[in-house]
Amino acid sequence: MSETHLRQGRQTVKLGLIKVVHDLFPEESLKTSYSILEGVFCNLDGSVLSTREVRLIEARLNDWVATGEPVTLLRKDGGYYHYQVGDLVVRAVYPAHTDPSQVEPFSLIPFSYGFIVDFGDIEKGNSHPLIPPTRLSAAYEANQIWLDRVGVETVADVNAAIDAGRALRLVSIAEALHEKQLADIADSILRQRRALRVLLISGPTSSGKTSTAQRLATQLEVNGLRPVALSLDNYFLNREQTPRDADGRFDFETLDALDLPLLTAQITGLVEGQTVGTPVFDFVQGRRLEQSVSVRVGAGEILLIEGLHALNPRLLEDVNRNLAFRVYVSALGGLNIDLMNRVPTTEIRLLRRIVRDHKYRGIAPEVTIGQWASVRRGEYLNVFRFQEDADVMFNSSMIYELNAIRPFAEAALATIPDDSAHVDTRDRLLNLLSFFKPVDVARIPFNSILREFIGGSIYFDPA
């Protein structure tokens, strides 16, 4: 699927929006803060917009589209496309159409102190307006508040701190934030200890679920509650039974690729205090082995299930909802290149995956990029639709991470030749990375979520 930031018709809407807001509020600065599913939350930096003002912006933006005043691409340099939009020169990291009539359908939804530019869920043919996911929005807002508290708003602020020799401070506060949030989650679980039997951790690919689960497990043990892990991977069906997607390829992203009757029955048994023989799956053979592993969740223990499908309600159909605590993990970002150019969260996760696949899994970046559209479709079907069911959301992004990942990602992307079908993606990602000043990774803690991707994690050997 094509991401919000890659659709030129959507980027054209942003150009028009910048012009309209400038015309209506010449003393204000528009900020494109973060994405919300198929929409983008925008606001005026330091000001609150009323519903009436949002409606006025929407009306003027529609007028701009209808007028069809041409947009001119002046040049591309410094990582930006420079566009002439009326009397304004606008810089954009991603390209736009120069004909306003080519914008994609949109609507502006008043939300919080700003508005969401909603493009609808085009991939699934949904023409209904977006209903803002409140938990996701709250997680983004919490991150925005924290960034303001530590005096960081844009990539330039991070780069300036690195130039000033304060890189270790950035690393320290980012890691301390994660530790504090995970400790708070563990404390919440402890308060409900008598009622809880299951801890569920889910999130999209390359969100850092595995490291988050390990770090949270450590915090739970500090609180005297020992997690008993149950791996969903061991419940895969034998290869010949695996469902196929529309292209005839094995679909390992769907919940139906798992032996769901066995899985749900064993989860129910474990919650009830039974001892069950969990399966062992051999990924080389693509088959379940004959042996099983005896598992029981005793007093002072909690069943921990981590994976893409952990929040799917079909997993716990026969278990009382109040017995489970649900954590949603994702790299929600929040750091902008500048006020009007955000760092897309999907780009962060794609770069994480490229680095990990190339460095530790022997998977070429071209293969990772080629699979990305299928992975993203799977996330929409199997992950994002359940995110609002979480009891808490954990933002696994760090303010310094693209600075740290840059050398690894550049080395991986350099293996993509100029005649590759993915050369445009290579160049797009390299352009994004060019905004980030590299930082030495030697002093990144070995329990950092980032170590899951660049290596050196104390929790597992990525190789």
Protein backbone atom coordinates (compact mmCIF):
# COMPACT_ATOMS: atom_id res chain seq x y z
CA MET A 1 0.00 0.00 0.00
CA SER A 2 1.09 3.59 -0.52
CA GLU A 3 1.79 5.50 2.68
CA THR A 4 0.14 8.82 3.46
CA HIS A 5 3.40 10.73 3.01
CA LEU A 6 4.14 9.06 -0.35
CA ARG A 7 0.88 9.95 -2.08
CA GLN A 8 1.61 13.05 -4.13
CA GLY A 9 -2.06 14.03 -4.10
CA ARG A 10 -1.91 14.20 -0.32
CA GLN A 11 1.30 16.19 -0.34
CA THR A 12 -0.42 18.66 -2.66
CA VAL A 13 -3.16 19.08 -0.06
CA LYS A 14 -0.43 20.00 2.43
CA LEU A 15 0.97 22.66 0.11
CA GLY A 16 -2.47 24.21 -0.26
CA LEU A 17 -3.06 23.98 3.48
CA ILE A 18 0.17 25.83 4.24
CA LYS A 19 -0.85 28.62 1.86
CA VAL A 20 -4.41 28.87 3.20
CA VAL A 21 -3.28 28.98 6.84
CA HIS A 22 -0.69 31.63 5.95
CA ASP A 23 -3.35 33.73 4.25
CA LEU A 24 -5.83 33.42 7.12
CA PHE A 25 -3.38 33.59 10.02
CA PRO A 26 -0.25 35.37 8.75
CA GLU A 27 1.26 35.65 12.23
CA GLU A 28 0.91 31.92 12.94
CA SER A 29 2.92 28.84 11.92
CA LEU A 30 1.26 25.61 10.82
CA LYS A 31 2.61 22.41 12.35
CA THR A 32 1.98 18.94 10.93
CA SER A 33 2.37 17.01 14.14
CA TYR A 34 1.71 13.32 13.57
CA SER A 35 -0.25 10.80 11.52
CA ILE A 36 -3.44 9.15 12.74
CA LEU A 37 -4.22 6.16 10.52
CA GLU A 38 -5.12 7.73 7.14
CA GLY A 39 -5.08 11.25 8.51
CA VAL A 40 -2.57 13.81 9.79
CA PHE A 41 -3.07 15.93 12.90
CA CYS A 42 -2.20 19.60 12.34
CA ASN A 43 -2.26 22.63 14.59
CA LEU A 44 -1.02 26.19 14.88
CA ASP A 45 2.23 26.29 16.82
CA GLY A 46 1.36 27.74 20.21
CA SER A 47 -2.29 28.55 19.40
CA VAL A 48 -5.66 26.81 19.68
CA LEU A 49 -8.02 26.59 16.72
CA SER A 50 -11.79 26.76 17.19
CA THR A 51 -14.21 24.58 15.26
CA ARG A 52 -15.32 27.66 13.31
CA GLU A 53 -11.74 28.43 12.30
CA VAL A 54 -11.19 24.82 11.17
CA ARG A 55 -14.31 25.03 9.01
CA LEU A 56 -13.02 28.28 7.52
CA ILE A 57 -9.66 26.67 6.70
CA GLU A 58 -11.45 23.75 5.05
CA ALA A 59 -13.64 26.06 2.93
CA ARG A 60 -10.64 28.11 1.79
CA LEU A 61 -8.67 24.96 0.99
CA ASN A 62 -11.52 23.66 -1.16
CA ASP A 63 -11.61 27.03 -2.92
CA TRP A 64 -7.87 26.77 -3.60
CA VAL A 65 -8.33 23.34 -5.15
CA ALA A 66 -11.27 24.52 -7.26
CA THR A 67 -9.39 27.59 -8.50
CA GLY A 68 -6.59 25.37 -9.76
CA GLU A 69 -3.83 27.93 -9.27
CA PRO A 70 -0.72 26.08 -10.49
CA VAL A 71 2.06 25.06 -8.13
CA THR A 72 5.60 25.40 -9.48
CA LEU A 73 8.51 23.15 -8.55
CA LEU A 74 11.44 25.54 -8.29
CA ARG A 75 14.26 23.16 -7.42
CA LYS A 76 15.34 20.29 -5.19
CA ASP A 77 18.24 20.87 -2.85
CA GLY A 78 19.18 20.45 0.79
CA GLY A 79 16.89 17.46 1.01
CA TYR A 80 13.80 19.53 0.15
CA TYR A 81 11.54 20.06 -2.83
CA HIS A 82 11.02 23.83 -3.13
CA TYR A 83 7.57 24.81 -4.43
CA GLN A 84 6.13 28.18 -5.39
CA VAL A 85 2.57 28.23 -4.03
CA GLY A 86 1.04 31.61 -4.75
CA ASP A 87 3.28 34.15 -3.05
CA LEU A 88 4.88 31.52 -0.81
CA VAL A 89 7.89 29.28 -1.27
CA VAL A 90 7.19 26.03 0.57
CA ARG A 91 9.76 23.34 1.38
CA ALA A 92 8.60 19.72 1.38
CA VAL A 93 10.56 16.55 2.05
CA TYR A 94 8.23 14.49 -0.17
CA PRO A 95 7.11 15.42 -3.71
CA ALA A 96 3.69 16.80 -4.62
CA HIS A 97 1.66 17.28 -7.79
CA THR A 98 1.86 20.74 -9.33
CA ASP A 99 -1.80 20.66 -10.38
CA PRO A 100 -4.19 21.23 -7.43
CA SER A 101 -6.93 19.33 -9.26
CA GLN A 102 -4.94 16.15 -8.61
CA VAL A 103 -5.41 16.29 -4.85
CA GLU A 104 -6.95 13.27 -3.18
CA PRO A 105 -10.37 13.64 -1.52
CA PHE A 106 -10.01 15.04 2.00
CA SER A 107 -11.92 16.52 4.88
CA LEU A 108 -10.85 18.52 7.92
CA ILE A 109 -12.04 17.23 11.28
CA PRO A 110 -11.79 19.54 14.31
CA PHE A 111 -9.87 17.63 16.96
CA SER A 112 -8.31 18.67 20.25
CA TYR A 113 -6.57 22.05 19.77
CA GLY A 114 -6.20 21.62 15.99
CA PHE A 115 -7.63 19.40 13.28
CA ILE A 116 -7.10 16.16 11.40
CA VAL A 117 -6.70 16.23 7.63
CA ASP A 118 -8.53 12.99 6.90
CA PHE A 119 -8.10 11.17 3.61
CA GLY A 120 -10.33 8.24 4.56
CA ASP A 121 -9.22 4.63 4.51
CA ILE A 122 -8.85 4.45 0.74
CA GLU A 123 -7.15 1.06 0.77
CA LYS A 124 -10.24 -0.55 2.25
CA GLY A 125 -12.77 1.49 0.30
CA ASN A 126 -14.06 3.28 3.37
CA SER A 127 -15.59 6.65 2.54
CA HIS A 128 -16.76 7.39 6.09
CA PRO A 129 -14.97 10.12 8.06
CA LEU A 130 -12.22 9.04 10.40
CA ILE A 131 -13.16 8.50 14.04
CA PRO A 132 -10.05 9.68 15.90
CA PRO A 133 -8.50 6.90 17.97
CA THR A 134 -8.38 8.49 21.39
CA ARG A 135 -5.72 6.26 22.98
CA LEU A 136 -3.37 6.67 20.04
CA SER A 137 -3.88 10.42 20.03
CA ALA A 138 -3.24 10.59 23.77
CA ALA A 139 0.02 8.67 23.31
CA TYR A 140 1.15 11.11 20.66
CA GLU A 141 0.16 14.07 22.80
CA ALA A 142 2.05 12.71 25.80
CA ASN A 143 5.14 12.48 23.62
CA GLN A 144 4.67 16.03 22.35
CA ILE A 145 4.42 17.31 25.92
CA TRP A 146 7.58 15.42 26.90
CA LEU A 147 9.51 16.79 23.90
CA ASP A 148 8.53 20.30 24.93
CA ARG A 149 9.57 19.58 28.51
CA VAL A 150 13.09 18.52 27.48
CA GLY A 151 13.44 21.37 24.98
CA VAL A 152 13.37 19.32 21.78
CA GLU A 153 11.00 20.09 18.92
CA THR A 154 12.78 19.35 15.65
CA VAL A 155 15.67 17.29 14.28
CA ALA A 156 17.77 20.46 14.31
CA ASP A 157 17.52 20.54 18.11
CA VAL A 158 18.92 17.00 18.32
CA ASN A 159 21.69 17.78 15.84
CA ALA A 160 22.61 20.92 17.79
CA ALA A 161 22.87 18.91 21.02
CA ILE A 162 25.17 16.41 19.29
CA ASP A 163 27.35 19.25 17.96
CA ALA A 164 27.52 20.70 21.47
CA GLY A 165 28.75 17.40 22.91
CA ARG A 166 25.47 16.55 24.64
CA ALA A 167 24.73 13.32 22.73
CA LEU A 168 25.07 11.18 25.85
CA ARG A 169 22.51 13.37 27.62
CA LEU A 170 20.03 12.78 24.78
CA VAL A 171 20.60 9.05 24.93
CA SER A 172 20.27 9.03 28.71
CA ILE A 173 16.98 10.93 28.90
CA ALA A 174 15.43 8.93 26.04
CA GLU A 175 16.33 5.65 27.70
CA ALA A 176 15.26 6.93 31.12
CA LEU A 177 11.85 7.86 29.68
CA HIS A 178 11.40 4.29 28.44
CA GLU A 179 12.46 2.84 31.78
CA LYS A 180 10.07 5.13 33.67
CA GLN A 181 7.14 4.30 31.39
CA LEU A 182 7.76 0.56 31.62
CA ALA A 183 8.07 0.79 35.40
CA ASP A 184 4.75 2.67 35.50
CA ILE A 185 3.10 -0.07 33.40
CA ALA A 186 4.52 -2.74 35.71
CA ASP A 187 3.18 -0.84 38.73
CA SER A 188 -0.28 -0.66 37.10
CA ILE A 189 -0.20 -4.42 36.60
CA LEU A 190 0.92 -4.93 40.20
CA ARG A 191 -2.05 -2.92 41.46
CA GLN A 192 -4.37 -5.32 39.58
CA ARG A 193 -2.32 -8.41 40.40
CA ARG A 194 -5.12 -10.34 42.09
CA ALA A 195 -7.38 -9.98 39.05
CA LEU A 196 -4.88 -10.46 36.22
CA ARG A 197 -3.78 -13.72 34.66
CA VAL A 198 -2.61 -12.67 31.18
CA LEU A 199 -0.33 -9.91 29.86
CA LEU A 200 -0.74 -9.29 26.11
CA ILE A 201 1.81 -7.26 24.13
CA SER A 202 1.18 -6.40 20.47
CA GLY A 203 2.27 -3.92 17.84
CA PRO A 204 3.23 -3.65 14.18
CA THR A 205 6.44 -5.00 12.69
CA SER A 206 9.73 -3.48 13.90
CA SER A 207 7.99 -1.70 16.76
CA GLY A 208 10.33 -3.26 19.32
CA LYS A 209 7.78 -5.67 20.81
CA THR A 210 10.37 -8.27 21.80
CA SER A 211 12.65 -5.89 23.71
CA THR A 212 9.66 -4.14 25.26
CA ALA A 213 8.31 -7.47 26.48
CA GLN A 214 11.69 -8.40 27.95
CA ARG A 215 12.16 -5.06 29.69
CA LEU A 216 8.61 -5.09 31.03
CA ALA A 217 9.14 -8.66 32.26
CA THR A 218 12.18 -7.42 34.20
CA GLN A 219 10.13 -4.65 35.79
CA LEU A 220 7.43 -7.15 36.73
CA GLU A 221 10.02 -9.37 38.42
CA VAL A 222 11.18 -6.34 40.39
CA ASN A 223 7.57 -6.18 41.59
CA GLY A 224 7.60 -9.87 42.51
CA LEU A 225 5.50 -11.06 39.58
CA ARG A 226 7.18 -13.60 37.29
CA PRO A 227 6.02 -13.70 33.64
CA VAL A 228 5.62 -17.09 31.94
CA ALA A 229 6.12 -16.55 28.20
CA LEU A 230 3.98 -18.25 25.57
CA SER A 231 5.29 -17.89 22.00
CA LEU A 232 2.61 -17.59 19.32
CA ASP A 233 5.21 -18.68 16.75
CA ASN A 234 5.05 -22.24 18.06
CA TYR A 235 1.39 -22.47 17.07
CA PHE A 236 1.93 -22.07 13.32
CA LEU A 237 0.17 -24.62 11.16
CA ASN A 238 2.30 -27.01 9.14
CA ARG A 239 3.40 -25.37 5.92
CA GLU A 240 0.96 -27.25 3.66
CA GLN A 241 -1.94 -26.06 5.84
CA THR A 242 -0.86 -22.42 5.84
CA PRO A 243 -3.36 -20.02 4.18
CA ARG A 244 -2.30 -18.20 1.04
CA ASP A 245 -2.83 -14.55 0.14
CA ALA A 246 -4.42 -13.15 -3.02
CA ASP A 247 -1.12 -13.60 -4.87
CA GLY A 248 -0.91 -17.28 -3.96
CA ARG A 249 1.92 -16.80 -1.45
CA PHE A 250 1.90 -18.22 2.07
CA ASP A 251 0.25 -15.69 4.38
CA PHE A 252 2.07 -15.87 7.70
CA GLU A 253 0.60 -12.53 8.83
CA THR A 254 -2.97 -13.77 9.30
CA LEU A 255 -4.21 -15.19 12.60
CA ASP A 256 -5.52 -18.17 10.64
CA ALA A 257 -1.90 -19.22 9.98
CA LEU A 258 -1.94 -20.38 13.61
CA ASP A 259 -3.61 -23.46 15.08
CA LEU A 260 -6.20 -21.25 16.72
CA PRO A 261 -8.36 -23.98 18.34
CA LEU A 262 -5.31 -25.43 20.10
CA LEU A 263 -3.97 -21.99 21.04
CA THR A 264 -7.21 -20.69 22.54
CA ALA A 265 -7.82 -23.96 24.41
CA GLN A 266 -4.32 -23.90 25.92
CA ILE A 267 -4.55 -20.23 26.90
CA THR A 268 -7.84 -20.95 28.66
CA GLY A 269 -6.27 -23.93 30.42
CA LEU A 270 -3.26 -21.92 31.56
CA VAL A 271 -5.49 -19.13 32.87
CA GLU A 272 -7.42 -21.74 34.87
CA GLY A 273 -4.20 -23.06 36.41
CA GLN A 274 -3.85 -26.21 34.33
CA THR A 275 -0.57 -27.65 33.03
CA VAL A 276 -0.54 -27.87 29.23
CA GLY A 277 1.87 -29.32 26.69
CA THR A 278 2.64 -26.43 24.34
CA PRO A 279 3.87 -27.24 20.80
CA VAL A 280 7.33 -26.66 19.32
CA PHE A 281 7.53 -25.46 15.72
CA ASP A 282 10.53 -26.08 13.46
CA PHE A 283 10.80 -23.16 11.03
CA VAL A 284 13.39 -24.89 8.86
CA GLN A 285 11.12 -27.87 8.22
CA GLY A 286 7.96 -25.77 8.38
CA ARG A 287 6.38 -28.33 10.68
CA ARG A 288 5.40 -28.90 14.30
CA LEU A 289 7.73 -31.29 16.12
CA GLU A 290 6.56 -34.36 18.02
CA GLN A 291 7.74 -33.11 21.41
CA SER A 292 5.96 -30.51 23.52
CA VAL A 293 6.91 -28.25 26.42
CA SER A 294 5.08 -28.48 29.74
CA VAL A 295 3.87 -25.04 30.89
CA ARG A 296 1.92 -23.90 33.93
CA VAL A 297 1.14 -20.46 35.36
CA GLY A 298 1.32 -20.69 39.12
CA ALA A 299 0.83 -18.31 42.01
CA GLY A 300 2.96 -15.20 41.70
CA GLU A 301 3.12 -15.66 37.91
CA ILE A 302 1.40 -14.13 34.88
CA LEU A 303 1.05 -15.52 31.36
CA LEU A 304 2.89 -13.27 28.87
CA ILE A 305 1.85 -13.41 25.20
CA GLU A 306 3.73 -11.19 22.73
CA GLY A 307 3.16 -10.96 18.99
CA LEU A 308 1.29 -9.35 16.11
CA HIS A 309 -2.00 -11.00 17.09
CA ALA A 310 -1.80 -10.62 20.85
CA LEU A 311 -4.64 -8.06 20.97
CA ASN A 312 -6.94 -9.98 18.63
CA PRO A 313 -10.07 -10.78 20.68
CA ARG A 314 -10.32 -14.23 19.04
CA LEU A 315 -7.26 -15.19 21.08
CA LEU A 316 -9.11 -14.93 24.40
CA GLU A 317 -12.67 -15.73 23.36
CA ASP A 318 -13.21 -18.02 26.36
CA VAL A 319 -11.33 -15.87 28.88
CA ASN A 320 -12.89 -13.06 30.92
CA ARG A 321 -11.60 -9.75 29.52
CA ASN A 322 -10.91 -8.47 33.03
CA LEU A 323 -8.25 -11.16 33.49
CA ALA A 324 -6.01 -9.63 30.78
CA PHE A 325 -3.84 -6.51 30.59
CA ARG A 326 -3.14 -5.29 27.05
CA VAL A 327 -0.09 -3.29 25.92
CA TYR A 328 0.21 -1.82 22.43
CA VAL A 329 3.76 -1.00 21.27
CA SER A 330 4.68 1.15 18.28
CA ALA A 331 7.34 3.59 17.13
CA LEU A 332 5.07 6.61 17.24
CA GLY A 333 7.79 9.15 16.54
CA GLY A 334 6.84 12.73 17.27
CA LEU A 335 10.04 14.50 16.20
CA ASN A 336 9.66 16.75 13.15
CA ILE A 337 12.29 17.75 10.59
CA ASP A 338 10.74 21.21 10.82
CA LEU A 339 7.29 22.46 11.79
CA MET A 340 5.71 21.50 8.47
CA ASN A 341 7.65 18.30 7.70
CA ARG A 342 7.20 15.39 10.08
CA VAL A 343 9.21 12.19 10.29
CA PRO A 344 6.73 9.49 9.21
CA THR A 345 6.46 6.65 11.71
CA THR A 346 6.36 4.04 8.95
CA GLU A 347 9.72 5.28 7.65
CA ILE A 348 11.21 4.75 11.12
CA ARG A 349 9.94 1.18 11.24
CA LEU A 350 11.01 0.43 7.66
CA LEU A 351 14.54 1.65 8.41
CA ARG A 352 14.62 -0.44 11.60
CA ARG A 353 13.58 -3.51 9.64
CA ILE A 354 16.04 -2.90 6.79
CA VAL A 355 18.92 -2.58 9.26
CA ARG A 356 17.97 -5.69 11.26
CA ASP A 357 17.25 -7.83 8.18
CA HIS A 358 20.50 -6.81 6.48
CA LYS A 359 22.73 -7.04 9.54
CA TYR A 360 21.41 -10.15 11.26
CA ARG A 361 19.00 -12.09 9.08
CA GLY A 362 20.84 -12.20 5.79
CA ILE A 363 17.92 -10.53 4.01
CA ALA A 364 18.85 -7.97 1.34
CA PRO A 365 17.30 -4.49 1.62
CA GLU A 366 15.65 -4.98 -1.78
CA VAL A 367 13.80 -8.01 -0.39
CA THR A 368 12.73 -6.15 2.75
CA ILE A 369 11.46 -3.21 0.70
CA GLY A 370 9.73 -5.55 -1.74
CA GLN A 371 7.82 -7.20 1.12
CA TRP A 372 6.89 -3.94 2.83
CA ALA A 373 3.55 -3.36 1.06
CA SER A 374 2.38 -6.85 2.01
CA VAL A 375 3.55 -6.36 5.59
CA ARG A 376 1.66 -3.08 5.82
CA ARG A 377 -1.55 -4.64 4.49
CA GLY A 378 -1.22 -7.30 7.17
CA GLU A 379 -0.83 -4.63 9.85
CA TYR A 380 -4.04 -2.91 8.80
CA LEU A 381 -5.92 -6.20 8.89
CA ASN A 382 -4.37 -7.75 11.97
CA VAL A 383 -2.88 -5.06 14.22
CA PHE A 384 -4.12 -1.48 13.86
CA ARG A 385 -7.79 -2.38 14.10
CA PHE A 386 -7.27 -3.62 17.67
CA GLN A 387 -4.92 -0.90 18.96
CA GLU A 388 -7.65 1.04 20.76
CA ASP A 389 -8.44 -2.06 22.83
CA ALA A 390 -5.10 -1.68 24.63
CA ASP A 391 -5.03 -0.69 28.29
CA VAL A 392 -1.84 1.28 27.65
CA MET A 393 0.21 2.36 24.64
CA PHE A 394 3.98 2.39 24.73
CA ASN A 395 5.90 4.62 22.31
CA SER A 396 9.12 2.79 21.43
CA SER A 397 10.60 5.70 19.45
CA MET A 398 13.62 7.62 20.73
CA ILE A 399 14.64 11.16 19.87
CA TYR A 400 18.12 10.08 18.83
CA GLU A 401 17.35 6.83 17.02
CA LEU A 402 17.61 7.91 13.37
CA ASN A 403 20.90 9.62 14.24
CA ALA A 404 22.09 6.27 15.60
CA ILE A 405 20.62 4.14 12.82
CA ARG A 406 21.89 6.35 10.00
CA PRO A 407 25.31 4.67 9.40
CA PHE A 408 23.78 1.17 9.53
CA ALA A 409 20.93 2.12 7.22
CA GLU A 410 23.22 3.90 4.74
CA ALA A 411 25.45 0.83 4.55
CA ALA A 412 22.45 -1.41 3.88
CA LEU A 413 20.85 0.91 1.33
CA ALA A 414 24.18 1.26 -0.49
CA THR A 415 23.78 -2.37 -1.60
CA ILE A 416 20.78 -1.42 -3.77
CA PRO A 417 22.04 -0.78 -7.32
CA ASP A 418 20.93 2.10 -9.51
CA ASP A 419 19.03 -0.22 -11.84
CA SER A 420 16.97 -1.73 -8.99
CA ALA A 421 13.18 -1.50 -8.99
CA HIS A 422 13.56 -0.04 -5.48
CA VAL A 423 16.03 2.72 -6.27
CA ASP A 424 13.39 5.42 -5.60
CA THR A 425 12.80 4.03 -2.10
CA ARG A 426 16.57 3.86 -1.55
CA ASP A 427 17.01 7.50 -2.52
CA ARG A 428 13.96 8.61 -0.52
CA LEU A 429 15.25 6.98 2.66
CA LEU A 430 18.79 8.26 2.13
CA ASN A 431 17.36 11.75 1.70
CA LEU A 432 15.46 11.44 4.99
CA LEU A 433 18.57 10.18 6.79
CA SER A 434 20.58 13.13 5.50
CA PHE A 435 18.77 15.39 7.97
CA PHE A 436 20.20 13.44 10.95
CA LYS A 437 23.72 13.97 12.24
CA PRO A 438 25.27 10.56 13.08
CA VAL A 439 25.81 9.76 16.75
CA ASP A 440 28.20 7.25 18.29
CA VAL A 441 26.26 4.12 19.30
CA ALA A 442 28.93 2.71 21.61
CA ARG A 443 27.31 4.20 24.71
CA ILE A 444 23.75 3.14 23.93
CA PRO A 445 22.65 0.81 26.77
CA PHE A 446 22.59 -2.88 25.90
CA ASN A 447 18.98 -3.20 27.07
CA SER A 448 17.88 -0.38 24.74
CA ILE A 449 15.06 -1.19 22.33
CA LEU A 450 17.30 0.17 19.60
CA ARG A 451 19.73 -2.70 20.25
CA GLU A 452 17.07 -5.07 18.89
CA PHE A 453 17.87 -3.61 15.47
CA ILE A 454 21.51 -2.50 15.53
CA GLY A 455 22.74 -5.43 17.65
CA GLY A 456 24.30 -5.92 21.06
CA SER A 457 21.05 -6.53 22.97
CA ILE A 458 21.34 -8.38 26.27
CA TYR A 459 18.00 -10.04 25.65
CA PHE A 460 18.64 -12.09 22.56
CA ASP A 461 21.06 -12.72 19.75
CA PRO A 462 19.45 -11.27 16.59
CA ALA A 463 21.63 -13.56 14.47
